[in-house]
């Protein structure tokens, strides 16, 4: 079983946000959950954008490496052509060397024949000394020519060996460059594949987080709590007063609330008794009286209607 990959910074941030949401419990509101989910989505999109840019860079680098590989292959082909040309030249030089060697052998044989002939002439007749001198001069010239040919052949052999060595070194360097470019190309392809997988995983994580946030919001919307920390909320109190004003019996206020929310597909947590309804109505009445007294205290004057007559009262 392969080892698990280490968590990225984005995943760690997601875990911290999830843990903070879990530890906060029901204290978080719907807006805070939406903000947290949007932040996670933005972070996931930023990570995906980084991965896509890195993938594009690696693709561009792989294209450049492929172009360099093609160029090195062309250079190696040119070097092979140059090597074949050098081999043809060396073959020609070797053929010329063999011809010169055979000519030297023939000259050497002629030299020996001439030396024998000279010895015979010296033994037989001293009168032909001038002719023998001429023959000796020609023989020495032939020997000098043969020596020059041997020197030229040796220089040609040295040049041929140097050219072959240079061609061998160039071919080795070209092979090493082609091998290095191939290794870099393979590494870039592996890195591109890894980046593609990371991008796909980031997209999947983002989709899962969005789905979780949507399910959480739907779940929270489908539940309505009448009480908060043991106290009826202001929305619940306003709803009870509205139903009482509409003429609903205080005995059935709780049943009516449950029926209304059930019709909307929302489950209600908590119940309202007749005594609670009467208390909430009384509290609303007293609060209205207090508000009226506060406004009467702070106003400069007011009109009162008594028996269809207007009474203006000014307060100082």
Protein backbone atom coordinates (compact mmCIF):
# COMPACT_ATOMS: atom_id res chain seq x y z
CA UNK A 1 0.00 0.00 0.00
CA UNK A 2 1.63 3.34 -1.10
CA UNK A 3 2.19 6.04 1.54
CA UNK A 4 -0.37 8.80 1.79
CA UNK A 5 0.56 12.13 0.26
CA UNK A 6 1.17 15.02 2.63
CA UNK A 7 -1.66 17.54 3.03
CA UNK A 8 -1.30 20.82 1.17
CA UNK A 9 -1.65 24.20 2.84
CA UNK A 10 -5.11 24.68 1.32
CA UNK A 11 -6.31 21.36 2.75
CA UNK A 12 -4.89 22.28 6.17
CA UNK A 13 -6.69 25.64 6.04
CA UNK A 14 -9.92 23.84 5.07
CA UNK A 15 -9.51 21.51 8.08
CA UNK A 16 -8.90 24.45 10.44
CA UNK A 17 -12.01 26.24 9.13
CA UNK A 18 -14.09 23.05 9.45
CA UNK A 19 -12.83 22.48 13.00
CA UNK A 20 -13.61 26.07 13.95
CA UNK A 21 -17.12 25.70 12.51
CA UNK A 22 -17.63 22.39 14.33
CA UNK A 23 -16.34 23.81 17.65
CA UNK A 24 -18.52 26.92 17.36
CA UNK A 25 -21.63 24.69 17.01
CA UNK A 26 -24.96 26.45 16.55
CA UNK A 27 -23.47 29.84 17.43
CA UNK A 28 -22.56 30.50 13.75
CA UNK A 29 -25.23 32.18 11.67
CA UNK A 30 -26.20 31.40 8.09
CA UNK A 31 -24.24 34.40 6.74
CA UNK A 32 -21.05 33.33 8.52
CA UNK A 33 -21.38 29.83 7.08
CA UNK A 34 -21.89 31.27 3.60
CA UNK A 35 -18.84 33.53 4.01
CA UNK A 36 -16.72 30.58 5.21
CA UNK A 37 -17.85 28.42 2.30
CA UNK A 38 -17.12 31.25 -0.17
CA UNK A 39 -13.64 31.71 1.31
CA UNK A 40 -12.96 27.99 0.94
CA UNK A 41 -14.21 28.06 -2.65
CA UNK A 42 -11.99 31.08 -3.43
CA UNK A 43 -8.97 29.38 -1.86
CA UNK A 44 -9.64 26.21 -3.85
CA UNK A 45 -10.01 28.25 -7.06
CA UNK A 46 -6.75 30.10 -6.34
CA UNK A 47 -4.96 26.79 -5.79
CA UNK A 48 -6.45 25.40 -9.02
CA UNK A 49 -5.30 28.54 -10.91
CA UNK A 50 -1.76 28.10 -9.53
CA UNK A 51 -1.74 24.46 -10.57
CA UNK A 52 -3.02 25.34 -14.04
CA UNK A 53 -0.30 28.00 -14.48
CA UNK A 54 2.37 25.53 -13.31
CA UNK A 55 0.98 22.95 -15.74
CA UNK A 56 1.13 25.47 -18.60
CA UNK A 57 4.77 26.30 -17.73
CA UNK A 58 5.72 22.64 -17.72
CA UNK A 59 3.98 22.11 -21.04
CA UNK A 60 5.91 25.03 -22.54
CA UNK A 61 9.16 23.63 -21.15
CA UNK A 62 8.39 20.17 -22.56
CA UNK A 63 7.78 21.77 -25.98
CA UNK A 64 11.13 23.58 -25.75
CA UNK A 65 12.88 20.35 -24.73
CA UNK A 66 11.29 18.51 -27.64
CA UNK A 67 12.52 21.22 -30.01
CA UNK A 68 16.01 20.98 -28.50
CA UNK A 69 15.88 17.19 -28.89
CA UNK A 70 14.91 17.53 -32.55
CA UNK A 71 17.77 19.99 -33.04
CA UNK A 72 20.28 17.64 -31.38
CA UNK A 73 19.01 14.76 -33.53
CA UNK A 74 19.58 16.94 -36.63
CA UNK A 75 23.10 17.79 -35.41
CA UNK A 76 23.87 14.11 -34.85
CA UNK A 77 22.64 13.36 -38.36
CA UNK A 78 24.93 16.07 -39.75
CA UNK A 79 27.83 14.66 -37.73
CA UNK A 80 27.11 11.18 -39.11
CA UNK A 81 27.18 12.61 -42.64
CA UNK A 82 30.47 14.36 -41.87
CA UNK A 83 31.85 11.12 -40.44
CA UNK A 84 30.86 9.19 -43.56
CA UNK A 85 32.54 11.89 -45.69
CA UNK A 86 35.70 11.66 -43.57
CA UNK A 87 35.67 7.90 -43.93
CA UNK A 88 35.44 8.24 -47.70
CA UNK A 89 38.36 10.68 -47.66
CA UNK A 90 40.36 8.35 -45.43
CA UNK A 91 39.62 5.49 -47.82
CA UNK A 92 40.91 7.61 -50.71
CA UNK A 93 44.01 8.57 -48.73
CA UNK A 94 44.59 4.96 -47.80
CA UNK A 95 44.34 3.98 -51.45
CA UNK A 96 46.84 6.70 -52.37
CA UNK A 97 49.09 5.49 -49.57
CA UNK A 98 49.00 1.94 -50.93
CA UNK A 99 49.81 3.24 -54.39
CA UNK A 100 52.74 5.24 -53.04
CA UNK A 101 53.93 2.23 -51.04
CA UNK A 102 53.89 0.07 -54.13
CA UNK A 103 55.74 2.79 -56.05
CA UNK A 104 58.32 2.90 -53.27
CA UNK A 105 58.71 -0.84 -53.41
CA UNK A 106 59.20 -0.66 -57.17
CA UNK A 107 61.69 2.19 -56.70
CA UNK A 108 63.57 0.19 -54.10
CA UNK A 109 63.68 -2.78 -56.45
CA UNK A 110 64.91 -0.53 -59.21
CA UNK A 111 67.50 0.93 -56.85
CA UNK A 112 68.83 -2.53 -56.08
CA UNK A 113 68.92 -3.41 -59.74
CA UNK A 114 70.71 -0.16 -60.49
CA UNK A 115 73.23 -0.75 -57.71
CA UNK A 116 73.95 -4.24 -59.06
CA UNK A 117 74.26 -2.80 -62.51
CA UNK A 118 76.65 -0.14 -61.20
CA UNK A 119 78.80 -2.70 -59.49
CA UNK A 120 78.93 -4.74 -62.68
CA UNK A 121 79.87 -1.70 -64.69
CA UNK A 122 82.58 -0.71 -62.22
CA UNK A 123 84.02 -4.20 -62.35
CA UNK A 124 83.86 -4.54 -66.13
CA UNK A 125 84.83 -1.15 -67.38
CA UNK A 126 86.27 1.90 -65.66
CA UNK A 127 85.78 3.97 -68.83
CA UNK A 128 82.08 4.28 -68.20
CA UNK A 129 82.57 6.12 -64.87
CA UNK A 130 80.84 9.27 -66.13
CA UNK A 131 77.78 7.32 -67.10
CA UNK A 132 77.88 5.57 -63.74
CA UNK A 133 78.02 8.94 -61.97
CA UNK A 134 74.92 10.02 -63.89
CA UNK A 135 73.19 6.80 -62.94
CA UNK A 136 74.17 7.30 -59.29
CA UNK A 137 72.81 10.87 -59.40
CA UNK A 138 69.54 9.65 -60.84
CA UNK A 139 69.39 6.90 -58.22
CA UNK A 140 69.98 9.40 -55.39
CA UNK A 141 67.24 11.65 -56.81
CA UNK A 142 64.90 8.68 -56.95
CA UNK A 143 65.78 7.83 -53.35
CA UNK A 144 65.11 11.45 -52.25
CA UNK A 145 61.78 11.38 -54.07
CA UNK A 146 60.84 8.16 -52.30
CA UNK A 147 61.77 9.68 -48.92
CA UNK A 148 59.59 12.75 -49.64
CA UNK A 149 56.71 10.48 -50.58
CA UNK A 150 57.14 8.55 -47.33
CA UNK A 151 57.06 11.82 -45.32
CA UNK A 152 53.92 12.94 -47.13
CA UNK A 153 52.28 9.58 -46.46
CA UNK A 154 53.11 9.80 -42.75
CA UNK A 155 51.62 13.31 -42.56
CA UNK A 156 48.48 12.07 -44.33
CA UNK A 157 48.17 9.21 -41.85
CA UNK A 158 48.46 11.61 -38.92
CA UNK A 159 45.79 13.91 -40.36
CA UNK A 160 43.47 10.98 -40.99
CA UNK A 161 43.85 9.65 -37.43
CA UNK A 162 43.22 13.14 -35.99
CA UNK A 163 40.09 13.58 -38.10
CA UNK A 164 38.76 10.17 -36.98
CA UNK A 165 39.40 11.02 -33.32
CA UNK A 166 37.62 14.39 -33.63
CA UNK A 167 34.63 12.76 -35.31
CA UNK A 168 34.45 10.14 -32.54
CA UNK A 169 34.54 12.78 -29.79
CA UNK A 170 31.83 14.86 -31.52
CA UNK A 171 29.60 11.79 -31.87
CA UNK A 172 30.06 10.94 -28.16
CA UNK A 173 29.19 14.49 -27.07
CA UNK A 174 26.12 14.51 -29.35
CA UNK A 175 24.91 11.20 -27.87
CA UNK A 176 25.39 12.55 -24.33
CA UNK A 177 23.39 15.70 -25.17
CA UNK A 178 20.57 13.65 -26.72
CA UNK A 179 20.46 11.42 -23.61
CA UNK A 180 20.33 14.43 -21.26
CA UNK A 181 17.55 16.08 -23.28
CA UNK A 182 15.57 12.82 -23.24
CA UNK A 183 15.87 12.56 -19.46
CA UNK A 184 14.70 16.17 -18.98
CA UNK A 185 11.76 15.52 -21.33
CA UNK A 186 10.72 12.45 -19.33
CA UNK A 187 10.97 14.36 -16.05
CA UNK A 188 8.87 17.23 -17.44
CA UNK A 189 6.21 14.79 -18.64
CA UNK A 190 6.06 13.14 -15.20
CA UNK A 191 5.77 16.55 -13.53
CA UNK A 192 3.02 17.60 -15.97
CA UNK A 193 1.06 14.42 -15.19
CA UNK A 194 1.46 15.04 -11.44
CA UNK A 195 0.23 18.62 -11.81
CA UNK A 196 -2.79 17.45 -13.81
CA UNK A 197 -3.70 15.01 -11.02
CA UNK A 198 -3.33 17.73 -8.36
CA UNK A 199 -5.56 20.08 -10.39
CA UNK A 200 -8.22 17.37 -10.72
CA UNK A 201 -8.04 16.67 -6.97
CA UNK A 202 -8.39 20.40 -6.18
CA UNK A 203 -11.50 20.65 -8.37
CA UNK A 204 -13.02 17.58 -6.68
CA UNK A 205 -12.28 19.01 -3.20
CA UNK A 206 -13.87 22.33 -4.15
CA UNK A 207 -17.00 20.58 -5.43
CA UNK A 208 -17.27 18.49 -2.26
CA UNK A 209 -16.91 21.59 -0.04
CA UNK A 210 -19.57 23.47 -2.01
CA UNK A 211 -21.93 20.48 -1.76
CA UNK A 212 -21.33 20.21 2.02
CA UNK A 213 -22.01 23.92 2.51
CA UNK A 214 -25.19 23.68 0.41
CA UNK A 215 -26.42 20.66 2.38
CA UNK A 216 -25.62 22.40 5.67
CA UNK A 217 -27.53 25.53 4.62
CA UNK A 218 -30.51 23.47 3.44
CA UNK A 219 -30.49 21.58 6.74
CA UNK A 220 -30.38 24.78 8.78
CA UNK A 221 -33.15 26.36 6.70
CA UNK A 222 -35.37 23.32 7.17
CA UNK A 223 -35.34 23.70 11.01
CA UNK A 224 -36.88 26.64 12.92
CA UNK A 225 -36.20 27.07 16.65
CA UNK A 226 -38.80 28.90 18.70
CA UNK A 227 -36.46 29.35 21.67
CA UNK A 228 -32.89 30.54 21.88
CA UNK A 229 -31.04 29.80 25.11
CA UNK A 230 -34.36 29.01 26.80
CA UNK A 231 -36.02 32.32 25.77
CA UNK A 232 -38.59 32.75 23.02
CA UNK A 233 -37.13 34.75 20.14
CA UNK A 234 -38.53 38.10 19.07
CA UNK A 235 -39.72 36.59 15.78
CA UNK A 236 -41.68 33.94 17.69
CA UNK A 237 -43.25 36.60 19.94
CA UNK A 238 -44.27 38.74 16.96
CA UNK A 239 -45.80 35.68 15.25
CA UNK A 240 -47.81 34.81 18.40
CA UNK A 241 -49.13 38.40 18.71
CA UNK A 242 -50.05 38.43 15.00
CA UNK A 243 -52.03 35.19 15.36
CA UNK A 244 -53.82 36.53 18.46
CA UNK A 245 -54.72 39.73 16.61
CA UNK A 246 -55.99 37.61 13.72
CA UNK A 247 -58.43 35.97 16.10
CA UNK A 248 -56.72 32.65 16.74
CA UNK A 249 -57.49 31.03 20.07
CA UNK A 250 -54.66 31.09 22.59
CA UNK A 251 -55.18 27.39 23.20
CA UNK A 252 -54.30 26.48 19.58
CA UNK A 253 -51.50 28.97 18.90
CA UNK A 254 -48.80 26.27 19.20
CA UNK A 255 -50.68 23.87 16.92
CA UNK A 256 -51.23 26.59 14.32
CA UNK A 257 -47.50 27.47 14.31
CA UNK A 258 -46.49 23.82 13.83
CA UNK A 259 -49.08 23.39 11.07
CA UNK A 260 -47.88 26.49 9.19
CA UNK A 261 -44.22 25.49 9.27
CA UNK A 262 -45.02 21.86 8.44
CA UNK A 263 -46.88 23.05 5.35
CA UNK A 264 -43.72 24.93 4.29
CA UNK A 265 -41.62 21.81 4.86
CA UNK A 266 -39.85 23.21 7.92
CA UNK A 267 -39.65 21.36 11.21
CA UNK A 268 -40.21 23.39 14.42
CA UNK A 269 -38.22 22.90 17.63
CA UNK A 270 -40.17 23.88 20.77
CA UNK A 271 -43.82 24.38 21.73
CA UNK A 272 -46.03 27.24 22.91
CA UNK A 273 -48.60 26.80 25.71
CA UNK A 274 -51.71 28.87 26.41
CA UNK A 275 -50.08 30.42 29.48
CA UNK A 276 -47.02 31.44 27.43
CA UNK A 277 -49.29 33.07 24.83
CA UNK A 278 -51.10 35.11 27.50
CA UNK A 279 -47.80 36.25 28.99
CA UNK A 280 -46.41 37.27 25.61
CA UNK A 281 -49.61 39.25 24.83
CA UNK A 282 -49.42 40.95 28.24
CA UNK A 283 -45.75 41.78 27.72
CA UNK A 284 -46.60 43.30 24.34
CA UNK A 285 -49.37 45.37 25.90
CA UNK A 286 -47.10 46.68 28.67
CA UNK A 287 -44.32 47.37 26.18
CA UNK A 288 -46.77 49.37 24.02
CA UNK A 289 -47.90 51.37 27.06
CA UNK A 290 -44.29 52.08 28.04
CA UNK A 291 -43.50 53.19 24.49
CA UNK A 292 -46.57 55.43 24.42
CA UNK A 293 -45.60 57.02 27.76
CA UNK A 294 -42.04 57.57 26.50
CA UNK A 295 -43.28 59.26 23.35
CA UNK A 296 -45.77 61.40 25.30
CA UNK A 297 -42.97 62.50 27.62
CA UNK A 298 -40.66 63.50 24.79
CA UNK A 299 -43.22 65.24 22.52
CA UNK A 300 -43.92 68.99 22.55
CA UNK A 301 -47.70 68.71 22.07
CA UNK A 302 -50.48 66.32 21.08
CA UNK A 303 -54.15 66.24 19.95
CA UNK A 304 -56.83 64.31 21.78
CA UNK A 305 -60.29 63.48 20.36
CA UNK A 306 -63.05 63.47 23.00
CA UNK A 307 -66.74 63.30 21.95
CA UNK A 308 -65.99 64.46 18.43
CA UNK A 309 -64.20 67.55 19.74
CA UNK A 310 -60.54 68.47 19.31
CA UNK A 311 -58.47 69.16 22.37
CA UNK A 312 -54.96 70.59 21.96
CA UNK A 313 -52.61 69.94 24.82
CA UNK A 314 -49.23 71.57 24.90
CA UNK A 315 -46.57 70.18 27.17
CA UNK A 316 -43.79 72.38 28.55
